[in-house]
C-alpha atoms as a PDB file:
ATOM      1  CA  MET A   1     224.747  73.864-143.167  1.00  0.00           C
ATOM      2  CA  SER A   2     226.990  72.500-140.073  1.00  0.00           C
ATOM      3  CA  SER A   3     229.568  70.094-140.900  1.00  0.00           C
ATOM      4  CA  LEU A   4     229.258  66.745-138.780  1.00  0.00           C
ATOM      5  CA  SER A   5     232.723  66.252-136.831  1.00  0.00           C
ATOM      6  CA  PRO A   6     233.994  62.620-137.265  1.00  0.00           C
ATOM      7  CA  PRO A   7     233.477  60.057-134.480  1.00  0.00           C
ATOM      8  CA  ASN A   8     235.807  59.692-131.948  1.00  0.00           C
ATOM      9  CA  LEU A   9     237.591  56.205-132.876  1.00  0.00           C
ATOM     10  CA  SER A  10     238.497  55.615-129.483  1.00  0.00           C
ATOM     11  CA  GLN A  11     235.189  56.254-128.016  1.00  0.00           C
ATOM     12  CA  ALA A  12     233.721  53.844-130.332  1.00  0.00           C
ATOM     13  CA  THR A  13     235.958  51.025-129.580  1.00  0.00           C
ATOM     14  CA  SER A  14     236.010  51.335-125.878  1.00  0.00           C
ATOM     15  CA  GLU A  15     233.596  50.767-123.466  1.00  0.00           C
ATOM     16  CA  PRO A  16     232.711  53.252-120.519  1.00  0.00           C
ATOM     17  CA  ALA A  17     235.076  53.125-117.371  1.00  0.00           C
ATOM     18  CA  TRP A  18     232.414  51.812-114.889  1.00  0.00           C
ATOM     19  CA  VAL A  19     231.714  48.701-117.247  1.00  0.00           C
ATOM     20  CA  ARG A  20     235.802  48.110-117.311  1.00  0.00           C
ATOM     21  CA  TYR A  21     235.908  48.400-113.547  1.00  0.00           C
ATOM     22  CA  THR A  22     232.760  46.149-113.283  1.00  0.00           C
ATOM     23  CA  LEU A  23     233.961  43.415-115.317  1.00  0.00           C
ATOM     24  CA  VAL A  24     237.505  43.510-113.677  1.00  0.00           C
ATOM     25  CA  THR A  25     236.097  43.433-110.539  1.00  0.00           C
ATOM     26  CA  THR A  26     233.574  40.517-111.097  1.00  0.00           C
ATOM     27  CA  ALA A  27     236.588  38.651-112.301  1.00  0.00           C
ATOM     28  CA  LEU A  28     239.210  39.427-109.302  1.00  0.00           C
ATOM     29  CA  VAL A  29     236.040  38.451-106.861  1.00  0.00           C
ATOM     30  CA  PHE A  30     235.386  35.237-108.909  1.00  0.00           C
ATOM     31  CA  LEU A  31     239.194  34.261-109.045  1.00  0.00           C
ATOM     32  CA  SER A  32     239.524  35.019-105.331  1.00  0.00           C
ATOM     33  CA  LEU A  33     236.498  32.768-104.177  1.00  0.00           C
ATOM     34  CA  PHE A  34     237.301  29.714-106.451  1.00  0.00           C
ATOM     35  CA  LEU A  35     241.235  29.921-106.918  1.00  0.00           C
ATOM     36  CA  PHE A  36     243.118  32.019-104.551  1.00  0.00           C
ATOM     37  CA  VAL A  37     241.242  31.503-101.356  1.00  0.00           C
ATOM     38  CA  PRO A  38     241.182  27.397-101.893  1.00  0.00           C
ATOM     39  CA  LEU A  39     244.853  27.475-102.738  1.00  0.00           C
ATOM     40  CA  ALA A  40     246.059  29.488-100.009  1.00  0.00           C
ATOM     41  CA  SER A  41     243.769  27.264 -97.635  1.00  0.00           C
ATOM     42  CA  VAL A  42     245.609  24.302 -98.680  1.00  0.00           C
ATOM     43  CA  PHE A  43     249.127  25.494 -98.007  1.00  0.00           C
ATOM     44  CA  PHE A  44     247.680  26.720 -94.671  1.00  0.00           C
ATOM     45  CA  GLU A  45     246.069  23.202 -93.737  1.00  0.00           C
ATOM     46  CA  ALA A  46     249.220  21.822 -94.654  1.00  0.00           C
ATOM     47  CA  PHE A  47     251.539  23.443 -92.576  1.00  0.00           C
ATOM     48  CA  LYS A  48     249.074  24.223 -89.616  1.00  0.00           C
ATOM     49  CA  LYS A  49     250.149  21.565 -87.552  1.00  0.00           C
ATOM     50  CA  GLY A  50     254.034  22.236 -88.077  1.00  0.00           C
ATOM     51  CA  VAL A  51     256.582  21.640 -90.302  1.00  0.00           C
ATOM     52  CA  ASP A  52     257.205  18.224 -88.790  1.00  0.00           C
ATOM     53  CA  VAL A  53     253.899  16.817 -89.367  1.00  0.00           C
ATOM     54  CA  TYR A  54     254.403  18.284 -93.053  1.00  0.00           C
ATOM     55  CA  VAL A  55     257.513  16.438 -93.700  1.00  0.00           C
ATOM     56  CA  ALA A  56     256.138  13.125 -91.775  1.00  0.00           C
ATOM     57  CA  ALA A  57     253.485  13.349 -94.221  1.00  0.00           C
ATOM     58  CA  VAL A  58     255.047  13.717 -97.498  1.00  0.00           C
ATOM     59  CA  THR A  59     257.714  11.239 -96.668  1.00  0.00           C
ATOM     60  CA  GLU A  60     256.020   8.084 -95.252  1.00  0.00           C
ATOM     61  CA  PRO A  61     256.309   5.182 -97.335  1.00  0.00           C
ATOM     62  CA  ASP A  62     252.734   5.338 -98.777  1.00  0.00           C
ATOM     63  CA  ALA A  63     253.398   8.863-100.011  1.00  0.00           C
ATOM     64  CA  VAL A  64     256.586   8.498-101.391  1.00  0.00           C
ATOM     65  CA  SER A  65     255.245   5.087-103.418  1.00  0.00           C
ATOM     66  CA  ALA A  66     252.711   7.415-104.622  1.00  0.00           C
ATOM     67  CA  ILE A  67     255.200  10.217-105.615  1.00  0.00           C
ATOM     68  CA  TRP A  68     257.149   7.717-107.637  1.00  0.00           C
ATOM     69  CA  LEU A  69     254.362   6.164-109.284  1.00  0.00           C
ATOM     70  CA  THR A  70     253.208   9.306-110.274  1.00  0.00           C
ATOM     71  CA  LEU A  71     256.547  10.659-111.584  1.00  0.00           C
ATOM     72  CA  ALA A  72     256.704   7.050-113.428  1.00  0.00           C
ATOM     73  CA  ALA A  73     253.303   7.299-115.148  1.00  0.00           C
ATOM     74  CA  ALA A  74     254.041  11.015-116.413  1.00  0.00           C
ATOM     75  CA  ILE A  75     257.671   9.989-117.334  1.00  0.00           C
ATOM     76  CA  ILE A  76     256.184   7.393-119.587  1.00  0.00           C
ATOM     77  CA  ALA A  77     252.827   8.919-120.756  1.00  0.00           C
ATOM     78  CA  VAL A  78     254.730  12.259-121.679  1.00  0.00           C
ATOM     79  CA  PRO A  79     257.233  11.126-124.235  1.00  0.00           C
ATOM     80  CA  LEU A  80     254.798   8.958-125.910  1.00  0.00           C
ATOM     81  CA  ASN A  81     252.266  11.654-126.432  1.00  0.00           C
ATOM     82  CA  LEU A  82     255.124  13.940-127.723  1.00  0.00           C
ATOM     83  CA  VAL A  83     256.021  11.552-130.650  1.00  0.00           C
ATOM     84  CA  PHE A  84     252.368  10.964-131.146  1.00  0.00           C
ATOM     85  CA  GLY A  85     251.691  14.809-131.116  1.00  0.00           C
ATOM     86  CA  ILE A  86     254.266  15.631-133.627  1.00  0.00           C
ATOM     87  CA  ALA A  87     253.460  12.855-136.075  1.00  0.00           C
ATOM     88  CA  ALA A  88     249.900  13.772-135.926  1.00  0.00           C
ATOM     89  CA  ALA A  89     250.204  17.333-136.286  1.00  0.00           C
ATOM     90  CA  TRP A  90     252.756  16.911-139.086  1.00  0.00           C
ATOM     91  CA  SER A  91     250.170  14.704-140.850  1.00  0.00           C
ATOM     92  CA  ILE A  92     247.022  17.329-140.552  1.00  0.00           C
ATOM     93  CA  ALA A  93     249.085  20.288-141.077  1.00  0.00           C
ATOM     94  CA  LYS A  94     251.412  19.114-144.270  1.00  0.00           C
ATOM     95  CA  PHE A  95     249.338  16.387-145.829  1.00  0.00           C
ATOM     96  CA  GLU A  96     245.880  16.144-147.448  1.00  0.00           C
ATOM     97  CA  PHE A  97     244.441  12.402-146.976  1.00  0.00           C
ATOM     98  CA  ARG A  98     241.086  10.687-146.498  1.00  0.00           C
ATOM     99  CA  GLY A  99     240.312  10.513-143.163  1.00  0.00           C
ATOM    100  CA  LYS A 100     241.813  13.663-142.145  1.00  0.00           C
ATOM    101  CA  SER A 101     238.739  15.157-140.272  1.00  0.00           C
ATOM    102  CA  VAL A 102     238.049  11.997-138.348  1.00  0.00           C
ATOM    103  CA  LEU A 103     241.592  11.933-137.043  1.00  0.00           C
ATOM    104  CA  LEU A 104     240.802  15.056-135.832  1.00  0.00           C
ATOM    105  CA  THR A 105     237.803  14.187-134.222  1.00  0.00           C
ATOM    106  CA  PHE A 106     239.619  11.189-132.516  1.00  0.00           C
ATOM    107  CA  ILE A 107     242.208  13.788-131.117  1.00  0.00           C
ATOM    108  CA  ASP A 108     239.341  15.764-129.259  1.00  0.00           C
ATOM    109  CA  LEU A 109     238.024  12.610-127.905  1.00  0.00           C
ATOM    110  CA  PRO A 110     239.621  12.702-124.442  1.00  0.00           C
ATOM    111  CA  PHE A 111     238.160  16.276-124.416  1.00  0.00           C
ATOM    112  CA  SER A 112     234.564  15.052-124.715  1.00  0.00           C
ATOM    113  CA  VAL A 113     234.757  11.663-123.011  1.00  0.00           C
ATOM    114  CA  SER A 114     234.372  11.470-119.179  1.00  0.00           C
ATOM    115  CA  PRO A 115     237.788  10.214-117.865  1.00  0.00           C
ATOM    116  CA  VAL A 116     235.655   7.610-115.953  1.00  0.00           C
ATOM    117  CA  ILE A 117     234.511   6.274-118.825  1.00  0.00           C
ATOM    118  CA  ALA A 118     238.224   6.008-120.465  1.00  0.00           C
ATOM    119  CA  GLY A 119     238.937   4.019-117.331  1.00  0.00           C
ATOM    120  CA  LEU A 120     236.088   1.694-117.834  1.00  0.00           C
ATOM    121  CA  ILE A 121     236.747   1.443-121.496  1.00  0.00           C
ATOM    122  CA  TYR A 122     240.357  -0.367-120.124  1.00  0.00           C
ATOM    123  CA  VAL A 123     238.920  -2.455-117.605  1.00  0.00           C
ATOM    124  CA  LEU A 124     236.464  -3.707-120.591  1.00  0.00           C
ATOM    125  CA  VAL A 125     239.370  -4.609-122.576  1.00  0.00           C
ATOM    126  CA  PHE A 126     242.110  -5.669-120.253  1.00  0.00           C
ATOM    127  CA  GLY A 127     240.091  -6.697-117.178  1.00  0.00           C
ATOM    128  CA  LEU A 128     239.580 -10.155-115.723  1.00  0.00           C
ATOM    129  CA  GLN A 129     236.298 -10.521-117.710  1.00  0.00           C
ATOM    130  CA  GLY A 130     237.313  -8.311-120.676  1.00  0.00           C
ATOM    131  CA  TRP A 131     238.151  -9.086-124.098  1.00  0.00           C
ATOM    132  CA  PHE A 132     241.855 -10.037-123.349  1.00  0.00           C
ATOM    133  CA  GLY A 133     241.455 -11.035-119.841  1.00  0.00           C
ATOM    134  CA  GLU A 134     241.685 -14.488-120.533  1.00  0.00           C
ATOM    135  CA  TRP A 135     244.590 -14.406-122.446  1.00  0.00           C
ATOM    136  CA  LEU A 136     246.555 -11.909-120.130  1.00  0.00           C
ATOM    137  CA  ARG A 137     245.768 -14.538-116.938  1.00  0.00           C
ATOM    138  CA  ASP A 138     246.937 -17.129-118.782  1.00  0.00           C
ATOM    139  CA  ASN A 139     250.286 -15.453-119.557  1.00  0.00           C
ATOM    140  CA  ASP A 140     250.608 -14.182-116.178  1.00  0.00           C
ATOM    141  CA  LEU A 141     250.302 -10.490-117.149  1.00  0.00           C
ATOM    142  CA  LYS A 142     248.541  -7.705-115.423  1.00  0.00           C
ATOM    143  CA  VAL A 143     247.027  -4.646-117.054  1.00  0.00           C
ATOM    144  CA  ILE A 144     244.242  -3.447-114.672  1.00  0.00           C
ATOM    145  CA  PHE A 145     244.998  -2.682-111.010  1.00  0.00           C
ATOM    146  CA  ALA A 146     248.770  -2.507-112.078  1.00  0.00           C
ATOM    147  CA  VAL A 147     250.971   0.056-113.214  1.00  0.00           C
ATOM    148  CA  PRO A 148     250.423  -0.686-117.057  1.00  0.00           C
ATOM    149  CA  GLY A 149     246.744   0.124-116.677  1.00  0.00           C
ATOM    150  CA  ILE A 150     247.625   3.691-114.977  1.00  0.00           C
ATOM    151  CA  VAL A 151     249.862   4.359-117.769  1.00  0.00           C
ATOM    152  CA  LEU A 152     247.363   3.506-120.552  1.00  0.00           C
ATOM    153  CA  ALA A 153     244.983   5.448-118.656  1.00  0.00           C
ATOM    154  CA  THR A 154     247.305   8.519-118.424  1.00  0.00           C
ATOM    155  CA  ILE A 155     248.107   8.455-121.862  1.00  0.00           C
ATOM    156  CA  PHE A 156     244.381   8.471-123.021  1.00  0.00           C
ATOM    157  CA  VAL A 157     243.430  11.368-121.107  1.00  0.00           C
ATOM    158  CA  THR A 158     246.598  13.287-122.186  1.00  0.00           C
ATOM    159  CA  PHE A 159     247.101  12.524-125.982  1.00  0.00           C
ATOM    160  CA  PRO A 160     245.761  15.727-127.276  1.00  0.00           C
ATOM    161  CA  PHE A 161     247.612  18.170-125.555  1.00  0.00           C
ATOM    162  CA  VAL A 162     250.684  17.980-127.805  1.00  0.00           C
ATOM    163  CA  ALA A 163     248.944  17.792-131.074  1.00  0.00           C
ATOM    164  CA  ARG A 164     246.426  20.696-130.389  1.00  0.00           C
ATOM    165  CA  GLU A 165     249.376  23.036-129.718  1.00  0.00           C
ATOM    166  CA  LEU A 166     251.286  22.189-132.857  1.00  0.00           C
ATOM    167  CA  ILE A 167     248.683  21.881-135.523  1.00  0.00           C
ATOM    168  CA  PRO A 168     247.405  25.743-135.680  1.00  0.00           C
ATOM    169  CA  LEU A 169     251.170  26.658-135.605  1.00  0.00           C
ATOM    170  CA  MET A 170     252.059  24.438-138.457  1.00  0.00           C
ATOM    171  CA  GLN A 171     249.170  25.010-140.505  1.00  0.00           C
ATOM    172  CA  ALA A 172     249.961  28.844-140.149  1.00  0.00           C
ATOM    173  CA  GLN A 173     253.512  28.327-141.260  1.00  0.00           C
ATOM    174  CA  GLY A 174     252.885  26.291-144.377  1.00  0.00           C
ATOM    175  CA  GLN A 175     255.163  24.139-146.556  1.00  0.00           C
ATOM    176  CA  GLU A 176     257.446  26.592-147.956  1.00  0.00           C
ATOM    177  CA  GLN A 177     260.295  26.182-145.618  1.00  0.00           C
ATOM    178  CA  GLU A 178     259.959  22.504-145.990  1.00  0.00           C
ATOM    179  CA  GLU A 179     259.482  22.468-149.622  1.00  0.00           C
ATOM    180  CA  ALA A 180     262.906  24.893-149.868  1.00  0.00           C
ATOM    181  CA  ALA A 181     265.019  22.634-147.667  1.00  0.00           C
ATOM    182  CA  ARG A 182     264.099  19.754-149.943  1.00  0.00           C
ATOM    183  CA  VAL A 183     264.972  21.540-153.014  1.00  0.00           C
ATOM    184  CA  LEU A 184     268.455  22.477-151.519  1.00  0.00           C
ATOM    185  CA  GLY A 185     268.956  18.444-151.023  1.00  0.00           C
ATOM    186  CA  ALA A 186     268.061  18.069-147.211  1.00  0.00           C
ATOM    187  CA  SER A 187     266.757  14.950-146.012  1.00  0.00           C
ATOM    188  CA  GLY A 188     263.629  14.093-144.501  1.00  0.00           C
ATOM    189  CA  PHE A 189     265.354  13.830-141.303  1.00  0.00           C
ATOM    190  CA  GLN A 190     267.325  17.057-141.668  1.00  0.00           C
ATOM    191  CA  THR A 191     264.411  19.110-142.757  1.00  0.00           C
ATOM    192  CA  PHE A 192     262.529  18.052-139.710  1.00  0.00           C
ATOM    193  CA  TRP A 193     265.415  18.671-137.125  1.00  0.00           C
ATOM    194  CA  LYS A 194     266.844  21.877-138.699  1.00  0.00           C
ATOM    195  CA  VAL A 195     263.584  23.392-140.142  1.00  0.00           C
ATOM    196  CA  THR A 196     260.428  22.044-138.602  1.00  0.00           C
ATOM    197  CA  LEU A 197     261.631  21.369-135.068  1.00  0.00           C
ATOM    198  CA  PRO A 198     263.139  25.052-134.699  1.00  0.00           C
ATOM    199  CA  ASN A 199     259.947  26.574-135.737  1.00  0.00           C
ATOM    200  CA  VAL A 200     257.345  24.671-133.432  1.00  0.00           C
ATOM    201  CA  LYS A 201     259.846  24.245-130.465  1.00  0.00           C
ATOM    202  CA  TRP A 202     257.814  26.789-128.199  1.00  0.00           C
ATOM    203  CA  ALA A 203     254.367  25.305-129.036  1.00  0.00           C
ATOM    204  CA  LEU A 204     255.994  21.803-128.590  1.00  0.00           C
ATOM    205  CA  LEU A 205     257.443  22.775-125.124  1.00  0.00           C
ATOM    206  CA  TYR A 206     253.964  24.373-124.079  1.00  0.00           C
ATOM    207  CA  GLY A 207     252.263  21.345-124.857  1.00  0.00           C
ATOM    208  CA  VAL A 208     254.643  18.949-122.827  1.00  0.00           C
ATOM    209  CA  ILE A 209     253.937  21.294-119.982  1.00  0.00           C
ATOM    210  CA  LEU A 210     250.348  20.856-120.168  1.00  0.00           C
ATOM    211  CA  CYS A 211     250.529  17.361-120.893  1.00  0.00           C
ATOM    212  CA  ASN A 212     252.774  16.718-117.969  1.00  0.00           C
ATOM    213  CA  ALA A 213     250.429  18.783-115.612  1.00  0.00           C
ATOM    214  CA  ARG A 214     247.354  16.561-116.848  1.00  0.00           C
ATOM    215  CA  ALA A 215     249.226  13.334-116.092  1.00  0.00           C
ATOM    216  CA  MET A 216     250.273  14.146-112.800  1.00  0.00           C
ATOM    217  CA  GLY A 217     246.850  15.577-111.572  1.00  0.00           C
ATOM    218  CA  GLU A 218     244.603  12.656-113.269  1.00  0.00           C
ATOM    219  CA  PHE A 219     242.129  11.108-111.114  1.00  0.00           C
ATOM    220  CA  GLY A 220     239.182   9.913-112.834  1.00  0.00           C
ATOM    221  CA  ALA A 221     240.385   7.375-115.391  1.00  0.00           C
ATOM    222  CA  VAL A 222     243.213   6.379-113.123  1.00  0.00           C
ATOM    223  CA  SER A 223     241.060   5.947-110.117  1.00  0.00           C
ATOM    224  CA  VAL A 224     238.953   3.090-112.135  1.00  0.00           C
ATOM    225  CA  VAL A 225     242.095   1.207-113.300  1.00  0.00           C
ATOM    226  CA  SER A 226     244.642   1.434-110.031  1.00  0.00           C
ATOM    227  CA  GLY A 227     242.523  -1.016-107.799  1.00  0.00           C
ATOM    228  CA  HIS A 228     243.415   1.961-104.883  1.00  0.00           C
ATOM    229  CA  ILE A 229     246.183  -0.811-103.520  1.00  0.00           C
ATOM    230  CA  ARG A 230     247.936   1.428-100.937  1.00  0.00           C
ATOM    231  CA  GLY A 231     252.044   1.686-101.679  1.00  0.00           C
ATOM    232  CA  GLN A 232     251.471  -0.142-105.131  1.00  0.00           C
ATOM    233  CA  THR A 233     248.789   1.451-107.408  1.00  0.00           C
ATOM    234  CA  ASN A 234     247.895   4.593-105.619  1.00  0.00           C
ATOM    235  CA  THR A 235     249.091   7.942-107.523  1.00  0.00           C
ATOM    236  CA  LEU A 236     249.138  11.095-105.545  1.00  0.00           C
ATOM    237  CA  PRO A 237     245.413  12.197-106.141  1.00  0.00           C
ATOM    238  CA  LEU A 238     244.249   8.895-105.259  1.00  0.00           C
ATOM    239  CA  HIS A 239     246.732   9.047-101.792  1.00  0.00           C
ATOM    240  CA  ILE A 240     245.028  12.236-101.329  1.00  0.00           C
ATOM    241  CA  GLU A 241     241.856  10.999-101.469  1.00  0.00           C
ATOM    242  CA  ILE A 242     242.209   8.298 -99.147  1.00  0.00           C
ATOM    243  CA  LEU A 243     244.240   9.868 -96.547  1.00  0.00           C
ATOM    244  CA  TYR A 244     241.169  12.694 -96.645  1.00  0.00           C
ATOM    245  CA  ASN A 245     238.627  10.062 -96.305  1.00  0.00           C
ATOM    246  CA  GLU A 246     240.255   8.649 -93.495  1.00  0.00           C
ATOM    247  CA  TYR A 247     240.195  11.797 -91.536  1.00  0.00           C
ATOM    248  CA  GLN A 248     243.735  12.357 -91.854  1.00  0.00           C
ATOM    249  CA  PHE A 249     243.573  16.096 -92.895  1.00  0.00           C
ATOM    250  CA  ALA A 250     246.978  17.422 -92.135  1.00  0.00           C
ATOM    251  CA  ALA A 251     248.470  14.582 -93.898  1.00  0.00           C
ATOM    252  CA  SER A 252     245.889  14.912 -96.995  1.00  0.00           C
ATOM    253  CA  PHE A 253     246.644  18.697 -97.192  1.00  0.00           C
ATOM    254  CA  ALA A 254     250.341  18.436 -97.070  1.00  0.00           C
ATOM    255  CA  VAL A 255     250.241  16.092-100.074  1.00  0.00           C
ATOM    256  CA  ALA A 256     247.910  17.988-101.953  1.00  0.00           C
ATOM    257  CA  SER A 257     250.488  21.110-101.434  1.00  0.00           C
ATOM    258  CA  LEU A 258     252.785  19.252-103.443  1.00  0.00           C
ATOM    259  CA  LEU A 259     250.435  18.985-106.433  1.00  0.00           C
ATOM    260  CA  ALA A 260     249.165  22.560-105.793  1.00  0.00           C
ATOM    261  CA  SER A 261     253.091  23.570-105.700  1.00  0.00           C
ATOM    262  CA  LEU A 262     253.301  21.308-109.297  1.00  0.00           C
ATOM    263  CA  ALA A 263     250.293  23.649-110.476  1.00  0.00           C
ATOM    264  CA  LEU A 264     252.158  27.014-109.593  1.00  0.00           C
ATOM    265  CA  VAL A 265     255.447  25.756-111.274  1.00  0.00           C
ATOM    266  CA  THR A 266     253.156  24.756-114.353  1.00  0.00           C
ATOM    267  CA  LEU A 267     251.330  28.136-114.685  1.00  0.00           C
ATOM    268  CA  VAL A 268     254.406  30.288-114.545  1.00  0.00           C
ATOM    269  CA  LEU A 269     256.175  28.000-117.139  1.00  0.00           C
ATOM    270  CA  LYS A 270     252.876  28.124-119.400  1.00  0.00           C
ATOM    271  CA  TYR A 271     252.865  31.942-119.114  1.00  0.00           C
ATOM    272  CA  LEU A 272     256.591  32.272-120.122  1.00  0.00           C
ATOM    273  CA  VAL A 273     256.272  29.675-122.950  1.00  0.00           C
ATOM    274  CA  GLU A 274     252.667  30.892-124.162  1.00  0.00           C
ATOM    275  CA  ARG A 275     254.238  34.483-124.493  1.00  0.00           C
ATOM    276  CA  ARG A 276     256.722  32.646-126.945  1.00  0.00           C
ATOM    277  CA  VAL A 277     254.207  30.913-128.854  1.00  0.00           C
ATOM    278  CA  LYS A 278     252.043  33.969-129.572  1.00  0.00           C
ATOM    279  CA  GLN A 279     255.617  35.507-131.037  1.00  0.00           C
ATOM    280  CA  ALA A 280     256.252  32.164-133.021  1.00  0.00           C
ATOM    281  CA  LEU A 281     252.502  32.138-134.318  1.00  0.00           C
ATOM    282  CA  SER A 282     252.495  35.823-135.141  1.00  0.00           C
ATOM    283  CA  HIS A 283     255.714  35.608-136.847  1.00  0.00           C
ATOM    284  CA  ALA A 284     254.187  32.616-139.085  1.00  0.00           C
ATOM    285  CA  VAL A 285     251.322  34.528-139.945  1.00  0.00           C
ATOM    286  CA  ASP A 286     253.262  37.466-140.828  1.00  0.00           C
ATOM    287  CA  THR A 287     256.053  35.230-142.741  1.00  0.00           C
ATOM    288  CA  GLY A 288     252.893  33.544-144.932  1.00  0.00           C
ATOM    289  CA  VAL A 289     251.550  36.921-145.786  1.00  0.00           C
ATOM    290  CA  LYS A 290     254.385  38.485-146.819  1.00  0.00           C
ATOM    291  CA  SER A 291     255.223  35.293-149.062  1.00  0.00           C
END
């Protein structure tokens, strides 16, 4: 009776070479057509008419105003989302309370709602004919078609990013280290600053990077609430749209290259931080298993 040889485990768990090559080639072709070629064309068109035209496009007053407004919206929105993300992630990962699943659902809301709808919601609430429109007008306060509306819209579309990066890591880590710190006499602030924060710092930074990139590149919600007032309420994406619609192609691609450069920097930072996040998450899981 002939004995059956055991199957080759590597063959049983791997695909044929032609399948791997086909999948890799398909992915590379897709990335080339929809990512690399458009990205390269942005920089090509930006410098097509020379460096002088490029510099003039990114330094003219409306462009500078758009840059500063974009930075201002991100500078305000990101720290606020940072605070919200830490509070929400800590609450969900460390405590059991009624409405926990509802809070998780609300955190994911900007992912499922169109940014344009988010902008319309703020117009309904703070617009001239909105719920608070009359009160705002009587008190000479302006939200819609002004900077506050742009900041509110930016906060709405970006608030899930920090929380969603922290929640799984905090859940994987458990509460043993915080409980040990409290037993040793540490206050709540000391526990957070010396135990919790160091354990989630890379996930926190990763969430902040994604939040900042979305804040600077947001178009839909900001477009609804901004009013497209040149030199006042136009962010970089809105300024690019206006330049392109006015057939100022060189200027529009020049300003677009600034956002593209931001995307590339964000991609590099994302890659570096993502590696540390995976290491931290793996360490948290191993620690939980050993304990």
